[in-house]
Amino acid sequence: MPNYKRFIVTGRTYFFTRVTYQRYPWLCTENARQILRVSINKVRQTYLFKIEALVLLPGYLHCVWILPPEDSNYATRWRMIKIFVSKNYVNQLPSYLNITTSRGKRKESNLWQRRFWEHLIRDENNFINHCNYIY
């Protein structure tokens, strides 16, 4: 199994890509957009962060977050968003995909891919490029 190394720096800006399980296109439904909005806002009440840019595509999303000073824990924020969506709204979202034995053992839903991709924004030009990519 790969040993993922993430570049984590406190109080910085990050670009993320989050993918649905097997790229199933559920994110752009009206219900999914509302559920995701509520979930993100709920997590932001406890774990502050600012969303600079966000785009929902049918099977994945891209976003740029700014974390508060002296905080680098974006993984917990993503985990909480996934948990909130999965536990509170799984019955309102499509469940056409079977859960594998491995996902069942880990008590994972069939809504999200396990991992996400992140990129530490290096400078103003890098920030502009990533925001333009999203738009």
N, C-alpha and C. Protein backbone atom coordinates (compact mmCIF):
# COMPACT_ATOMS: atom_id res chain seq x y z
N MET A 1 0.84 -1.18 0.00
CA MET A 1 0.00 0.00 0.00
C MET A 1 0.89 1.24 0.00
N PRO A 2 0.53 2.25 -0.79
CA PRO A 2 1.36 3.46 -0.87
C PRO A 2 1.43 4.19 0.48
N ASN A 3 2.54 4.84 0.70
CA ASN A 3 2.71 5.66 1.89
C ASN A 3 2.62 7.12 1.45
N TYR A 4 1.43 7.70 1.58
CA TYR A 4 1.20 9.06 1.11
C TYR A 4 1.85 10.07 2.03
N LYS A 5 2.58 10.99 1.45
CA LYS A 5 3.19 12.09 2.20
C LYS A 5 2.52 13.38 1.75
N ARG A 6 2.00 14.11 2.69
CA ARG A 6 1.36 15.37 2.36
C ARG A 6 2.22 16.52 2.88
N PHE A 7 2.28 17.58 2.09
CA PHE A 7 3.02 18.77 2.48
C PHE A 7 2.07 19.66 3.26
N ILE A 8 2.27 19.74 4.56
CA ILE A 8 1.34 20.44 5.44
C ILE A 8 2.04 21.63 6.09
N VAL A 9 1.45 22.82 5.89
CA VAL A 9 1.97 24.06 6.46
C VAL A 9 0.81 24.80 7.09
N THR A 10 1.00 25.34 8.28
CA THR A 10 -0.09 26.02 8.99
C THR A 10 -0.47 27.34 8.32
N GLY A 11 -1.78 27.64 8.39
CA GLY A 11 -2.29 28.92 7.94
C GLY A 11 -2.12 29.23 6.47
N ARG A 12 -2.08 28.23 5.64
CA ARG A 12 -1.82 28.43 4.21
C ARG A 12 -3.06 28.17 3.37
N THR A 13 -2.90 28.37 2.09
CA THR A 13 -3.96 28.18 1.11
C THR A 13 -3.69 26.90 0.34
N TYR A 14 -4.75 26.11 0.14
CA TYR A 14 -4.62 24.82 -0.53
C TYR A 14 -5.67 24.68 -1.63
N PHE A 15 -5.29 23.98 -2.67
CA PHE A 15 -6.20 23.58 -3.75
C PHE A 15 -6.49 22.09 -3.54
N PHE A 16 -7.77 21.72 -3.61
CA PHE A 16 -8.17 20.32 -3.40
C PHE A 16 -9.00 19.81 -4.57
N THR A 17 -8.87 18.52 -4.81
CA THR A 17 -9.78 17.80 -5.70
C THR A 17 -10.32 16.62 -4.90
N ARG A 18 -11.63 16.53 -4.85
CA ARG A 18 -12.35 15.48 -4.11
C ARG A 18 -13.17 14.72 -5.14
N VAL A 19 -13.11 13.40 -5.18
CA VAL A 19 -13.76 12.59 -6.21
C VAL A 19 -14.81 11.70 -5.58
N THR A 20 -15.92 11.49 -6.29
CA THR A 20 -16.96 10.59 -5.82
C THR A 20 -16.52 9.14 -6.07
N TYR A 21 -17.15 8.21 -5.36
CA TYR A 21 -16.83 6.79 -5.49
C TYR A 21 -17.11 6.34 -6.92
N GLN A 22 -16.11 5.79 -7.57
CA GLN A 22 -16.16 5.33 -8.95
C GLN A 22 -16.63 6.43 -9.91
N ARG A 23 -16.35 7.67 -9.50
CA ARG A 23 -16.72 8.87 -10.27
C ARG A 23 -18.20 8.90 -10.63
N TYR A 24 -19.01 8.34 -9.76
CA TYR A 24 -20.45 8.35 -10.01
C TYR A 24 -20.96 9.79 -9.98
N PRO A 25 -21.71 10.23 -10.98
CA PRO A 25 -22.06 11.64 -11.14
C PRO A 25 -23.26 12.10 -10.30
N TRP A 26 -23.08 12.16 -8.99
CA TRP A 26 -24.19 12.60 -8.13
C TRP A 26 -24.04 14.01 -7.59
N LEU A 27 -22.88 14.62 -7.71
CA LEU A 27 -22.63 15.91 -7.07
C LEU A 27 -23.44 17.07 -7.64
N CYS A 28 -23.85 17.01 -8.88
CA CYS A 28 -24.52 18.16 -9.50
C CYS A 28 -26.04 18.09 -9.41
N THR A 29 -26.57 17.15 -8.68
CA THR A 29 -28.01 17.14 -8.48
C THR A 29 -28.37 18.23 -7.48
N GLU A 30 -29.57 18.73 -7.56
CA GLU A 30 -30.01 19.80 -6.65
C GLU A 30 -29.89 19.37 -5.20
N ASN A 31 -30.31 18.15 -4.92
CA ASN A 31 -30.26 17.62 -3.56
C ASN A 31 -28.82 17.53 -3.05
N ALA A 32 -27.93 17.05 -3.89
CA ALA A 32 -26.52 16.91 -3.49
C ALA A 32 -25.88 18.27 -3.22
N ARG A 33 -26.19 19.25 -4.06
CA ARG A 33 -25.62 20.59 -3.84
C ARG A 33 -26.06 21.15 -2.49
N GLN A 34 -27.32 20.99 -2.17
CA GLN A 34 -27.83 21.49 -0.90
C GLN A 34 -27.20 20.73 0.28
N ILE A 35 -27.12 19.42 0.16
CA ILE A 35 -26.53 18.60 1.23
C ILE A 35 -25.07 18.98 1.46
N LEU A 36 -24.32 19.15 0.39
CA LEU A 36 -22.91 19.52 0.52
C LEU A 36 -22.77 20.90 1.15
N ARG A 37 -23.61 21.83 0.74
CA ARG A 37 -23.57 23.19 1.31
C ARG A 37 -23.82 23.14 2.82
N VAL A 38 -24.84 22.42 3.25
CA VAL A 38 -25.14 22.30 4.68
C VAL A 38 -23.98 21.64 5.41
N SER A 39 -23.42 20.60 4.84
CA SER A 39 -22.32 19.87 5.47
C SER A 39 -21.08 20.75 5.64
N ILE A 40 -20.72 21.47 4.60
CA ILE A 40 -19.56 22.36 4.68
C ILE A 40 -19.79 23.44 5.74
N ASN A 41 -20.96 24.04 5.73
CA ASN A 41 -21.25 25.08 6.72
C ASN A 41 -21.25 24.53 8.14
N LYS A 42 -21.73 23.32 8.32
CA LYS A 42 -21.72 22.69 9.64
C LYS A 42 -20.28 22.49 10.13
N VAL A 43 -19.43 21.98 9.27
CA VAL A 43 -18.03 21.74 9.63
C VAL A 43 -17.32 23.07 9.89
N ARG A 44 -17.64 24.09 9.12
CA ARG A 44 -16.99 25.40 9.29
C ARG A 44 -17.34 26.05 10.63
N GLN A 45 -18.41 25.63 11.26
CA GLN A 45 -18.75 26.16 12.58
C GLN A 45 -17.72 25.74 13.63
N THR A 46 -17.16 24.55 13.48
CA THR A 46 -16.18 24.02 14.43
C THR A 46 -14.76 24.20 13.94
N TYR A 47 -14.53 23.92 12.66
CA TYR A 47 -13.20 23.99 12.06
C TYR A 47 -13.21 25.10 11.01
N LEU A 48 -12.78 26.27 11.40
CA LEU A 48 -12.83 27.42 10.53
C LEU A 48 -11.94 27.26 9.29
N PHE A 49 -12.42 27.75 8.18
CA PHE A 49 -11.65 27.89 6.95
C PHE A 49 -12.45 28.75 6.00
N LYS A 50 -11.76 29.36 5.06
CA LYS A 50 -12.39 30.23 4.08
C LYS A 50 -12.32 29.56 2.72
N ILE A 51 -13.43 29.57 2.01
CA ILE A 51 -13.48 29.00 0.67
C ILE A 51 -13.31 30.16 -0.32
N GLU A 52 -12.21 30.12 -1.06
CA GLU A 52 -11.93 31.16 -2.05
C GLU A 52 -12.55 30.84 -3.40
N ALA A 53 -12.64 29.57 -3.74
CA ALA A 53 -13.21 29.15 -5.02
C ALA A 53 -13.68 27.71 -4.87
N LEU A 54 -14.76 27.37 -5.58
CA LEU A 54 -15.28 26.01 -5.52
C LEU A 54 -16.08 25.74 -6.79
N VAL A 55 -15.91 24.57 -7.36
CA VAL A 55 -16.72 24.15 -8.49
C VAL A 55 -17.14 22.70 -8.27
N LEU A 56 -18.41 22.45 -8.52
CA LEU A 56 -18.94 21.09 -8.47
C LEU A 56 -19.10 20.59 -9.89
N LEU A 57 -18.52 19.45 -10.17
CA LEU A 57 -18.71 18.76 -11.43
C LEU A 57 -19.41 17.45 -11.09
N PRO A 58 -20.00 16.77 -12.05
CA PRO A 58 -20.81 15.60 -11.71
C PRO A 58 -20.11 14.56 -10.83
N GLY A 59 -18.83 14.26 -11.08
CA GLY A 59 -18.16 13.21 -10.33
C GLY A 59 -17.04 13.68 -9.43
N TYR A 60 -16.81 14.98 -9.35
CA TYR A 60 -15.75 15.48 -8.47
C TYR A 60 -15.93 16.97 -8.24
N LEU A 61 -15.16 17.51 -7.30
CA LEU A 61 -15.17 18.94 -7.03
C LEU A 61 -13.75 19.43 -6.87
N HIS A 62 -13.56 20.70 -7.19
CA HIS A 62 -12.28 21.39 -6.97
C HIS A 62 -12.59 22.57 -6.06
N CYS A 63 -11.66 22.89 -5.17
CA CYS A 63 -11.84 24.07 -4.34
C CYS A 63 -10.51 24.60 -3.83
N VAL A 64 -10.53 25.85 -3.43
CA VAL A 64 -9.38 26.50 -2.82
C VAL A 64 -9.82 26.97 -1.45
N TRP A 65 -9.10 26.52 -0.43
CA TRP A 65 -9.37 26.88 0.96
C TRP A 65 -8.20 27.66 1.53
N ILE A 66 -8.53 28.60 2.43
CA ILE A 66 -7.51 29.27 3.24
C ILE A 66 -7.76 28.84 4.68
N LEU A 67 -6.75 28.25 5.29
CA LEU A 67 -6.85 27.81 6.67
C LEU A 67 -6.46 28.94 7.62
N PRO A 68 -7.00 28.91 8.84
CA PRO A 68 -6.64 29.96 9.80
C PRO A 68 -5.17 29.86 10.21
N PRO A 69 -4.62 30.97 10.72
CA PRO A 69 -3.22 30.92 11.19
C PRO A 69 -3.04 29.83 12.24
N GLU A 70 -1.90 29.18 12.21
CA GLU A 70 -1.55 28.12 13.15
C GLU A 70 -2.47 26.91 13.09
N ASP A 71 -3.08 26.68 11.93
CA ASP A 71 -3.92 25.50 11.72
C ASP A 71 -3.57 24.91 10.36
N SER A 72 -3.35 23.60 10.33
CA SER A 72 -3.02 22.93 9.07
C SER A 72 -3.86 21.68 8.86
N ASN A 73 -4.88 21.49 9.65
CA ASN A 73 -5.61 20.23 9.67
C ASN A 73 -6.75 20.19 8.65
N TYR A 74 -6.41 20.24 7.38
CA TYR A 74 -7.43 20.15 6.35
C TYR A 74 -8.00 18.74 6.23
N ALA A 75 -7.22 17.73 6.57
CA ALA A 75 -7.71 16.34 6.46
C ALA A 75 -8.89 16.11 7.38
N THR A 76 -8.86 16.66 8.58
CA THR A 76 -10.00 16.51 9.50
C THR A 76 -11.23 17.20 8.93
N ARG A 77 -11.05 18.35 8.34
CA ARG A 77 -12.19 19.06 7.75
C ARG A 77 -12.83 18.21 6.66
N TRP A 78 -12.01 17.63 5.79
CA TRP A 78 -12.56 16.78 4.73
C TRP A 78 -13.23 15.54 5.30
N ARG A 79 -12.60 14.95 6.30
CA ARG A 79 -13.19 13.76 6.92
C ARG A 79 -14.56 14.09 7.53
N MET A 80 -14.66 15.23 8.21
CA MET A 80 -15.92 15.62 8.83
C MET A 80 -16.99 15.92 7.78
N ILE A 81 -16.62 16.55 6.69
CA ILE A 81 -17.59 16.83 5.62
C ILE A 81 -18.10 15.51 5.05
N LYS A 82 -17.18 14.58 4.76
CA LYS A 82 -17.59 13.28 4.23
C LYS A 82 -18.50 12.54 5.20
N ILE A 83 -18.13 12.53 6.47
CA ILE A 83 -18.94 11.84 7.49
C ILE A 83 -20.32 12.48 7.58
N PHE A 84 -20.36 13.80 7.62
CA PHE A 84 -21.65 14.48 7.75
C PHE A 84 -22.56 14.16 6.57
N VAL A 85 -22.03 14.21 5.36
CA VAL A 85 -22.82 13.88 4.18
C VAL A 85 -23.27 12.42 4.24
N SER A 86 -22.34 11.52 4.52
CA SER A 86 -22.63 10.09 4.49
C SER A 86 -23.62 9.67 5.56
N LYS A 87 -23.44 10.14 6.78
CA LYS A 87 -24.30 9.70 7.89
C LYS A 87 -25.67 10.35 7.88
N ASN A 88 -25.74 11.61 7.50
CA ASN A 88 -27.00 12.32 7.61
C ASN A 88 -27.85 12.30 6.35
N TYR A 89 -27.22 12.04 5.21
CA TYR A 89 -27.96 12.18 3.96
C TYR A 89 -27.82 11.01 3.01
N VAL A 90 -27.23 9.91 3.46
CA VAL A 90 -27.00 8.79 2.56
C VAL A 90 -28.31 8.27 1.94
N ASN A 91 -29.41 8.36 2.66
CA ASN A 91 -30.69 7.88 2.12
C ASN A 91 -31.28 8.82 1.08
N GLN A 92 -30.80 10.06 1.03
CA GLN A 92 -31.31 11.03 0.06
C GLN A 92 -30.45 11.10 -1.19
N LEU A 93 -29.33 10.42 -1.18
CA LEU A 93 -28.43 10.43 -2.32
C LEU A 93 -28.44 9.07 -3.01
N PRO A 94 -28.04 9.02 -4.27
CA PRO A 94 -28.09 7.75 -5.01
C PRO A 94 -27.20 6.69 -4.38
N SER A 95 -27.69 5.49 -4.36
CA SER A 95 -26.90 4.38 -3.82
C SER A 95 -26.89 3.22 -4.81
N TYR A 96 -26.63 3.54 -6.05
CA TYR A 96 -26.64 2.54 -7.11
C TYR A 96 -25.39 1.69 -7.15
N LEU A 97 -24.35 2.13 -6.48
CA LEU A 97 -23.08 1.42 -6.53
C LEU A 97 -22.94 0.50 -5.33
N ASN A 98 -22.49 -0.70 -5.57
CA ASN A 98 -22.30 -1.66 -4.49
C ASN A 98 -21.08 -1.30 -3.66
N ILE A 99 -21.15 -1.61 -2.39
CA ILE A 99 -20.02 -1.38 -1.49
C ILE A 99 -19.17 -2.64 -1.50
N THR A 100 -17.87 -2.48 -1.76
CA THR A 100 -16.97 -3.62 -1.80
C THR A 100 -16.75 -4.16 -0.38
N THR A 101 -16.20 -5.35 -0.30
CA THR A 101 -15.90 -5.97 1.00
C THR A 101 -14.95 -5.08 1.79
N SER A 102 -13.93 -4.56 1.14
CA SER A 102 -12.96 -3.69 1.80
C SER A 102 -13.63 -2.44 2.37
N ARG A 103 -14.51 -1.81 1.58
CA ARG A 103 -15.20 -0.61 2.06
C ARG A 103 -16.16 -0.97 3.19
N GLY A 104 -16.79 -2.12 3.11
CA GLY A 104 -17.69 -2.57 4.17
C GLY A 104 -16.97 -2.77 5.49
N LYS A 105 -15.78 -3.37 5.44
CA LYS A 105 -14.99 -3.58 6.66
C LYS A 105 -14.60 -2.26 7.31
N ARG A 106 -14.36 -1.26 6.48
CA ARG A 106 -13.97 0.06 7.00
C ARG A 106 -15.17 0.95 7.31
N LYS A 107 -16.37 0.42 7.09
CA LYS A 107 -17.63 1.15 7.29
C LYS A 107 -17.69 2.42 6.43
N GLU A 108 -17.22 2.29 5.18
CA GLU A 108 -17.24 3.40 4.24
C GLU A 108 -18.49 3.33 3.38
N SER A 109 -18.99 4.50 3.00
CA SER A 109 -20.16 4.54 2.13
C SER A 109 -19.72 4.41 0.68
N ASN A 110 -20.71 4.45 -0.20
CA ASN A 110 -20.41 4.39 -1.63
C ASN A 110 -20.58 5.78 -2.27
N LEU A 111 -20.29 6.83 -1.49
CA LEU A 111 -20.42 8.19 -2.01
C LEU A 111 -19.09 8.82 -2.41
N TRP A 112 -18.03 8.55 -1.66
CA TRP A 112 -16.75 9.24 -1.86
C TRP A 112 -15.61 8.27 -2.11
N GLN A 113 -14.65 8.72 -2.90
CA GLN A 113 -13.39 8.01 -3.02
C GLN A 113 -12.61 8.20 -1.72
N ARG A 114 -11.79 7.24 -1.35
CA ARG A 114 -11.07 7.30 -0.07
C ARG A 114 -10.18 8.52 0.06
N ARG A 115 -9.38 8.79 -0.92
CA ARG A 115 -8.37 9.83 -0.80
C ARG A 115 -8.75 11.07 -1.59
N PHE A 116 -7.99 12.13 -1.37
CA PHE A 116 -8.17 13.36 -2.12
C PHE A 116 -6.81 13.87 -2.55
N TRP A 117 -6.84 14.79 -3.50
CA TRP A 117 -5.60 15.39 -3.98
C TRP A 117 -5.54 16.81 -3.45
N GLU A 118 -4.38 17.20 -2.93
CA GLU A 118 -4.20 18.57 -2.44
C GLU A 118 -2.92 19.16 -3.01
N HIS A 119 -2.93 20.48 -3.09
CA HIS A 119 -1.76 21.20 -3.58
C HIS A 119 -1.61 22.46 -2.74
N LEU A 120 -0.46 22.66 -2.16
CA LEU A 120 -0.17 23.86 -1.40
C LEU A 120 0.06 25.01 -2.37
N ILE A 121 -0.73 26.06 -2.23
CA ILE A 121 -0.56 27.23 -3.08
C ILE A 121 0.73 27.95 -2.67
N ARG A 122 1.62 28.14 -3.64
CA ARG A 122 2.96 28.66 -3.35
C ARG A 122 3.04 30.18 -3.29
N ASP A 123 2.29 30.86 -4.18
CA ASP A 123 2.40 32.31 -4.26
C ASP A 123 1.14 32.87 -4.92
N GLU A 124 1.10 34.18 -5.10
CA GLU A 124 -0.07 34.85 -5.67
C GLU A 124 -0.38 34.36 -7.08
N ASN A 125 0.65 34.18 -7.89
CA ASN A 125 0.45 33.71 -9.26
C ASN A 125 -0.13 32.28 -9.27
N ASN A 126 0.36 31.43 -8.40
CA ASN A 126 -0.15 30.07 -8.28
C ASN A 126 -1.62 30.08 -7.82
N PHE A 127 -1.94 30.98 -6.90
CA PHE A 127 -3.32 31.15 -6.43
C PHE A 127 -4.23 31.56 -7.58
N ILE A 128 -3.82 32.56 -8.35
CA ILE A 128 -4.62 33.04 -9.48
C ILE A 128 -4.82 31.93 -10.50
N ASN A 129 -3.77 31.19 -10.80
CA ASN A 129 -3.87 30.10 -11.78
C ASN A 129 -4.86 29.04 -11.33
N HIS A 130 -4.84 28.67 -10.05
CA HIS A 130 -5.76 27.64 -9.57
C HIS A 130 -7.20 28.15 -9.51
N CYS A 131 -7.38 29.39 -9.12
CA CYS A 131 -8.74 29.96 -9.13
C CYS A 131 -9.27 30.06 -10.56
N ASN A 132 -8.43 30.48 -11.50
CA ASN A 132 -8.85 30.54 -12.91
C ASN A 132 -9.19 29.14 -13.43
N TYR A 133 -8.44 28.14 -13.02
CA TYR A 133 -8.74 26.77 -13.42
C TYR A 133 -10.14 26.37 -12.94
N ILE A 134 -10.47 26.73 -11.71
CA ILE A 134 -11.78 26.41 -11.16
C ILE A 134 -12.88 27.15 -11.93
N TYR A 135 -12.64 28.44 -12.22
CA TYR A 135 -13.67 29.24 -12.91
C TYR A 135 -13.76 28.88 -14.37
